[in-house]
Amino acid sequence: MNDILVWFQNPGLTHVLLISAALFMLGTYAILTRRNAIMVLMGIELVLNAAGLNFVAFGRYAVGTFDGQVITLFIIVLAAAEAAIALAIVLNIYQNFHTVNVDEINRLKD
């Protein structure tokens, strides 16, 4: 029991990278398996959050500078812009096709 408490009280670079890898795998799974466009966008957000967590972890533990935090701010801005544009596209697709299922939208050329 004490080993588990010590593990949570003193997280190191390995612990943060394991959490980031789990986020990345969940995001990749959501992107590859979901048919709903909103779920695919959520998977992309998880992948971007995993990358941001990696930058912060390496900036904190490996280098000791604030470079990782600055790059993560750019990732957050990129994710917000991506979410706004992607949701506008999804709403437009729903208005035209009455579905957000990615597999059913094959008439985009028409």
N, C-alpha and C. Protein backbone atom coordinates (compact mmCIF):
# COMPACT_ATOMS: atom_id res chain seq x y z
N MET A 1 0.82 -1.20 0.00
CA MET A 1 0.00 0.00 0.00
C MET A 1 0.86 1.26 0.00
N ASN A 2 1.96 1.23 0.74
CA ASN A 2 2.83 2.40 0.77
C ASN A 2 3.51 2.65 -0.57
N ASP A 3 3.78 1.59 -1.33
CA ASP A 3 4.39 1.76 -2.64
C ASP A 3 3.47 2.53 -3.58
N ILE A 4 2.18 2.25 -3.50
CA ILE A 4 1.21 2.95 -4.35
C ILE A 4 1.13 4.42 -3.96
N LEU A 5 1.14 4.71 -2.65
CA LEU A 5 1.08 6.10 -2.21
C LEU A 5 2.33 6.86 -2.63
N VAL A 6 3.50 6.23 -2.54
CA VAL A 6 4.73 6.88 -2.96
C VAL A 6 4.70 7.14 -4.47
N TRP A 7 4.14 6.20 -5.24
CA TRP A 7 4.07 6.35 -6.69
C TRP A 7 3.23 7.58 -7.06
N PHE A 8 2.13 7.79 -6.32
CA PHE A 8 1.27 8.93 -6.63
C PHE A 8 1.81 10.24 -6.06
N GLN A 9 2.59 10.19 -5.00
CA GLN A 9 3.10 11.41 -4.40
C GLN A 9 4.31 11.97 -5.13
N ASN A 10 5.09 11.12 -5.77
CA ASN A 10 6.30 11.57 -6.46
C ASN A 10 6.27 11.13 -7.93
N PRO A 11 5.42 11.73 -8.73
CA PRO A 11 5.39 11.31 -10.14
C PRO A 11 6.63 11.80 -10.86
N GLY A 12 7.18 10.95 -11.68
CA GLY A 12 8.35 11.30 -12.46
C GLY A 12 8.00 11.38 -13.93
N LEU A 13 9.02 11.49 -14.74
CA LEU A 13 8.82 11.61 -16.18
C LEU A 13 8.15 10.35 -16.74
N THR A 14 8.54 9.19 -16.24
CA THR A 14 7.96 7.94 -16.73
C THR A 14 6.47 7.88 -16.48
N HIS A 15 6.03 8.32 -15.32
CA HIS A 15 4.61 8.29 -14.98
C HIS A 15 3.79 9.19 -15.90
N VAL A 16 4.31 10.37 -16.14
CA VAL A 16 3.60 11.32 -17.01
C VAL A 16 3.56 10.79 -18.44
N LEU A 17 4.66 10.18 -18.88
CA LEU A 17 4.68 9.64 -20.24
C LEU A 17 3.74 8.45 -20.38
N LEU A 18 3.56 7.67 -19.33
CA LEU A 18 2.59 6.56 -19.38
C LEU A 18 1.17 7.10 -19.52
N ILE A 19 0.85 8.15 -18.79
CA ILE A 19 -0.48 8.75 -18.89
C ILE A 19 -0.67 9.35 -20.29
N SER A 20 0.37 9.99 -20.79
CA SER A 20 0.29 10.57 -22.13
C SER A 20 0.12 9.49 -23.19
N ALA A 21 0.81 8.38 -23.04
CA ALA A 21 0.66 7.27 -23.99
C ALA A 21 -0.75 6.70 -23.95
N ALA A 22 -1.32 6.61 -22.74
CA ALA A 22 -2.69 6.12 -22.63
C ALA A 22 -3.67 7.07 -23.31
N LEU A 23 -3.48 8.38 -23.13
CA LEU A 23 -4.33 9.36 -23.81
C LEU A 23 -4.19 9.26 -25.32
N PHE A 24 -2.96 9.10 -25.78
CA PHE A 24 -2.72 8.99 -27.22
C PHE A 24 -3.38 7.75 -27.80
N MET A 25 -3.28 6.63 -27.09
CA MET A 25 -3.90 5.39 -27.58
C MET A 25 -5.42 5.50 -27.59
N LEU A 26 -6.00 6.11 -26.56
CA LEU A 26 -7.46 6.30 -26.55
C LEU A 26 -7.90 7.21 -27.70
N GLY A 27 -7.15 8.27 -27.95
CA GLY A 27 -7.48 9.16 -29.05
C GLY A 27 -7.36 8.48 -30.41
N THR A 28 -6.31 7.69 -30.58
CA THR A 28 -6.14 6.97 -31.84
C THR A 28 -7.24 5.94 -32.03
N TYR A 29 -7.61 5.26 -30.96
CA TYR A 29 -8.71 4.30 -31.03
C TYR A 29 -10.02 4.99 -31.41
N ALA A 30 -10.27 6.15 -30.83
CA ALA A 30 -11.50 6.89 -31.16
C ALA A 30 -11.50 7.36 -32.61
N ILE A 31 -10.35 7.77 -33.11
CA ILE A 31 -10.28 8.24 -34.49
C ILE A 31 -10.51 7.09 -35.46
N LEU A 32 -9.92 5.94 -35.18
CA LEU A 32 -9.98 4.82 -36.12
C LEU A 32 -11.28 4.03 -36.08
N THR A 33 -11.96 3.99 -34.94
CA THR A 33 -13.12 3.10 -34.82
C THR A 33 -14.46 3.81 -34.85
N ARG A 34 -14.51 5.07 -34.55
CA ARG A 34 -15.81 5.75 -34.46
C ARG A 34 -16.27 6.21 -35.82
N ARG A 35 -17.57 6.18 -36.02
CA ARG A 35 -18.16 6.65 -37.26
C ARG A 35 -18.77 8.03 -37.11
N ASN A 36 -19.06 8.42 -35.91
CA ASN A 36 -19.64 9.73 -35.65
C ASN A 36 -18.54 10.78 -35.75
N ALA A 37 -18.79 11.85 -36.48
CA ALA A 37 -17.77 12.89 -36.70
C ALA A 37 -17.40 13.59 -35.40
N ILE A 38 -18.36 13.75 -34.50
CA ILE A 38 -18.07 14.40 -33.22
C ILE A 38 -17.10 13.55 -32.40
N MET A 39 -17.28 12.24 -32.42
CA MET A 39 -16.37 11.35 -31.69
C MET A 39 -14.98 11.36 -32.31
N VAL A 40 -14.89 11.47 -33.61
CA VAL A 40 -13.59 11.56 -34.27
C VAL A 40 -12.88 12.85 -33.84
N LEU A 41 -13.62 13.94 -33.75
CA LEU A 41 -13.04 15.20 -33.30
C LEU A 41 -12.57 15.11 -31.85
N MET A 42 -13.32 14.40 -31.03
CA MET A 42 -12.88 14.21 -29.64
C MET A 42 -11.60 13.39 -29.58
N GLY A 43 -11.47 12.42 -30.48
CA GLY A 43 -10.23 11.64 -30.54
C GLY A 43 -9.05 12.50 -30.94
N ILE A 44 -9.26 13.40 -31.88
CA ILE A 44 -8.19 14.32 -32.29
C ILE A 44 -7.79 15.21 -31.12
N GLU A 45 -8.76 15.66 -30.35
CA GLU A 45 -8.45 16.47 -29.18
C GLU A 45 -7.63 15.69 -28.16
N LEU A 46 -7.95 14.41 -27.97
CA LEU A 46 -7.17 13.59 -27.04
C LEU A 46 -5.73 13.43 -27.51
N VAL A 47 -5.53 13.25 -28.80
CA VAL A 47 -4.18 13.13 -29.34
C VAL A 47 -3.41 14.44 -29.13
N LEU A 48 -4.06 15.57 -29.37
CA LEU A 48 -3.39 16.85 -29.16
C LEU A 48 -3.07 17.07 -27.68
N ASN A 49 -3.97 16.66 -26.78
CA ASN A 49 -3.69 16.78 -25.36
C ASN A 49 -2.53 15.89 -24.93
N ALA A 50 -2.43 14.71 -25.51
CA ALA A 50 -1.30 13.83 -25.20
C ALA A 50 0.01 14.45 -25.65
N ALA A 51 0.01 15.07 -26.82
CA ALA A 51 1.23 15.75 -27.29
C ALA A 51 1.59 16.92 -26.39
N GLY A 52 0.60 17.68 -25.98
CA GLY A 52 0.86 18.79 -25.06
C GLY A 52 1.40 18.33 -23.73
N LEU A 53 0.86 17.23 -23.22
CA LEU A 53 1.36 16.67 -21.96
C LEU A 53 2.80 16.21 -22.10
N ASN A 54 3.16 15.66 -23.24
CA ASN A 54 4.55 15.26 -23.49
C ASN A 54 5.47 16.48 -23.48
N PHE A 55 5.06 17.55 -24.14
CA PHE A 55 5.90 18.75 -24.17
C PHE A 55 6.10 19.32 -22.77
N VAL A 56 5.05 19.37 -21.98
CA VAL A 56 5.16 19.89 -20.62
C VAL A 56 6.05 18.98 -19.78
N ALA A 57 5.88 17.67 -19.91
CA ALA A 57 6.68 16.73 -19.11
C ALA A 57 8.16 16.83 -19.47
N PHE A 58 8.48 16.85 -20.76
CA PHE A 58 9.89 16.96 -21.14
C PHE A 58 10.46 18.32 -20.78
N GLY A 59 9.65 19.36 -20.87
CA GLY A 59 10.13 20.68 -20.46
C GLY A 59 10.40 20.75 -18.98
N ARG A 60 9.61 20.06 -18.20
CA ARG A 60 9.77 20.10 -16.74
C ARG A 60 10.87 19.17 -16.25
N TYR A 61 10.84 17.92 -16.69
CA TYR A 61 11.73 16.92 -16.12
C TYR A 61 13.06 16.79 -16.86
N ALA A 62 13.06 16.92 -18.17
CA ALA A 62 14.28 16.67 -18.93
C ALA A 62 15.14 17.93 -19.08
N VAL A 63 14.52 19.03 -19.45
CA VAL A 63 15.29 20.22 -19.75
C VAL A 63 15.27 21.21 -18.59
N GLY A 64 14.11 21.36 -17.93
CA GLY A 64 14.00 22.30 -16.83
C GLY A 64 13.70 23.72 -17.26
N THR A 65 13.20 23.90 -18.47
CA THR A 65 12.85 25.24 -18.95
C THR A 65 11.34 25.32 -19.19
N PHE A 66 10.90 26.48 -19.63
CA PHE A 66 9.48 26.70 -19.89
C PHE A 66 9.14 26.52 -21.37
N ASP A 67 10.03 25.95 -22.15
CA ASP A 67 9.77 25.76 -23.57
C ASP A 67 8.57 24.85 -23.81
N GLY A 68 8.43 23.81 -23.02
CA GLY A 68 7.31 22.88 -23.18
C GLY A 68 5.97 23.54 -22.91
N GLN A 69 5.93 24.42 -21.91
CA GLN A 69 4.69 25.12 -21.61
C GLN A 69 4.31 26.08 -22.72
N VAL A 70 5.29 26.73 -23.32
CA VAL A 70 5.01 27.67 -24.40
C VAL A 70 4.48 26.93 -25.62
N ILE A 71 5.10 25.81 -25.96
CA ILE A 71 4.64 25.02 -27.11
C ILE A 71 3.24 24.48 -26.83
N THR A 72 2.97 24.10 -25.59
CA THR A 72 1.65 23.59 -25.22
C THR A 72 0.58 24.67 -25.36
N LEU A 73 0.92 25.91 -25.08
CA LEU A 73 -0.04 27.01 -25.31
C LEU A 73 -0.39 27.11 -26.78
N PHE A 74 0.59 26.94 -27.66
CA PHE A 74 0.30 26.95 -29.09
C PHE A 74 -0.58 25.75 -29.47
N ILE A 75 -0.35 24.61 -28.86
CA ILE A 75 -1.19 23.43 -29.13
C ILE A 75 -2.62 23.68 -28.69
N ILE A 76 -2.81 24.34 -27.56
CA ILE A 76 -4.15 24.64 -27.07
C ILE A 76 -4.87 25.60 -28.02
N VAL A 77 -4.15 26.61 -28.49
CA VAL A 77 -4.75 27.54 -29.46
C VAL A 77 -5.10 26.81 -30.75
N LEU A 78 -4.20 25.94 -31.21
CA LEU A 78 -4.47 25.16 -32.41
C LEU A 78 -5.68 24.25 -32.22
N ALA A 79 -5.80 23.63 -31.05
CA ALA A 79 -6.94 22.74 -30.79
C ALA A 79 -8.25 23.53 -30.74
N ALA A 80 -8.22 24.71 -30.18
CA ALA A 80 -9.45 25.52 -30.12
C ALA A 80 -9.88 25.95 -31.52
N ALA A 81 -8.93 26.36 -32.34
CA ALA A 81 -9.26 26.75 -33.71
C ALA A 81 -9.76 25.55 -34.50
N GLU A 82 -9.11 24.41 -34.32
CA GLU A 82 -9.53 23.18 -35.01
C GLU A 82 -10.94 22.78 -34.60
N ALA A 83 -11.25 22.89 -33.32
CA ALA A 83 -12.58 22.52 -32.85
C ALA A 83 -13.65 23.43 -33.42
N ALA A 84 -13.38 24.72 -33.47
CA ALA A 84 -14.37 25.66 -34.00
C ALA A 84 -14.63 25.42 -35.48
N ILE A 85 -13.57 25.25 -36.24
CA ILE A 85 -13.73 25.04 -37.68
C ILE A 85 -14.36 23.69 -37.97
N ALA A 86 -13.92 22.66 -37.25
CA ALA A 86 -14.45 21.32 -37.48
C ALA A 86 -15.93 21.23 -37.10
N LEU A 87 -16.33 21.86 -36.00
CA LEU A 87 -17.75 21.84 -35.63
C LEU A 87 -18.60 22.60 -36.65
N ALA A 88 -18.06 23.67 -37.21
CA ALA A 88 -18.80 24.37 -38.27
C ALA A 88 -18.97 23.47 -39.49
N ILE A 89 -17.93 22.73 -39.83
CA ILE A 89 -18.03 21.80 -40.96
C ILE A 89 -19.03 20.69 -40.67
N VAL A 90 -19.00 20.15 -39.45
CA VAL A 90 -19.93 19.09 -39.07
C VAL A 90 -21.37 19.59 -39.10
N LEU A 91 -21.61 20.80 -38.62
CA LEU A 91 -22.96 21.36 -38.68
C LEU A 91 -23.43 21.56 -40.12
N ASN A 92 -22.53 21.98 -40.99
CA ASN A 92 -22.88 22.14 -42.39
C ASN A 92 -23.18 20.78 -43.03
N ILE A 93 -22.39 19.77 -42.71
CA ILE A 93 -22.64 18.42 -43.23
C ILE A 93 -23.99 17.90 -42.72
N TYR A 94 -24.29 18.14 -41.45
CA TYR A 94 -25.58 17.69 -40.91
C TYR A 94 -26.74 18.40 -41.59
N GLN A 95 -26.55 19.67 -41.87
CA GLN A 95 -27.62 20.43 -42.53
C GLN A 95 -27.87 19.90 -43.95
N ASN A 96 -26.84 19.49 -44.64
CA ASN A 96 -27.00 19.01 -46.01
C ASN A 96 -27.40 17.54 -46.09
N PHE A 97 -26.84 16.69 -45.24
CA PHE A 97 -27.03 15.24 -45.36
C PHE A 97 -27.89 14.64 -44.25
N HIS A 98 -28.22 15.40 -43.21
CA HIS A 98 -29.03 14.95 -42.07
C HIS A 98 -28.40 13.76 -41.35
N THR A 99 -27.08 13.71 -41.32
CA THR A 99 -26.34 12.71 -40.57
C THR A 99 -24.93 13.23 -40.31
N VAL A 100 -24.33 12.75 -39.22
CA VAL A 100 -22.93 13.05 -38.95
C VAL A 100 -22.09 11.78 -38.98
N ASN A 101 -22.68 10.71 -39.52
CA ASN A 101 -21.96 9.46 -39.68
C ASN A 101 -20.98 9.60 -40.84
N VAL A 102 -19.70 9.40 -40.54
CA VAL A 102 -18.66 9.64 -41.53
C VAL A 102 -18.77 8.67 -42.70
N ASP A 103 -19.20 7.44 -42.46
CA ASP A 103 -19.29 6.44 -43.52
C ASP A 103 -20.42 6.73 -44.51
N GLU A 104 -21.46 7.39 -44.07
CA GLU A 104 -22.62 7.64 -44.93
C GLU A 104 -22.46 8.89 -45.81
N ILE A 105 -21.43 9.66 -45.58
CA ILE A 105 -21.24 10.90 -46.34
C ILE A 105 -20.28 10.59 -47.48
N ASN A 106 -20.82 10.09 -48.58
CA ASN A 106 -19.99 9.78 -49.73
C ASN A 106 -20.39 10.60 -50.96
N ARG A 107 -21.30 11.53 -50.77
CA ARG A 107 -21.76 12.35 -51.89
C ARG A 107 -21.19 13.77 -51.81
N LEU A 108 -20.01 13.94 -51.25
CA LEU A 108 -19.46 15.29 -51.10
C LEU A 108 -19.09 15.90 -52.44
N LYS A 109 -18.83 15.10 -53.45
CA LYS A 109 -18.47 15.64 -54.76
C LYS A 109 -19.68 16.22 -55.48
N ASP A 110 -20.88 15.76 -55.15
CA ASP A 110 -22.10 16.20 -55.85
C ASP A 110 -22.49 17.61 -55.50
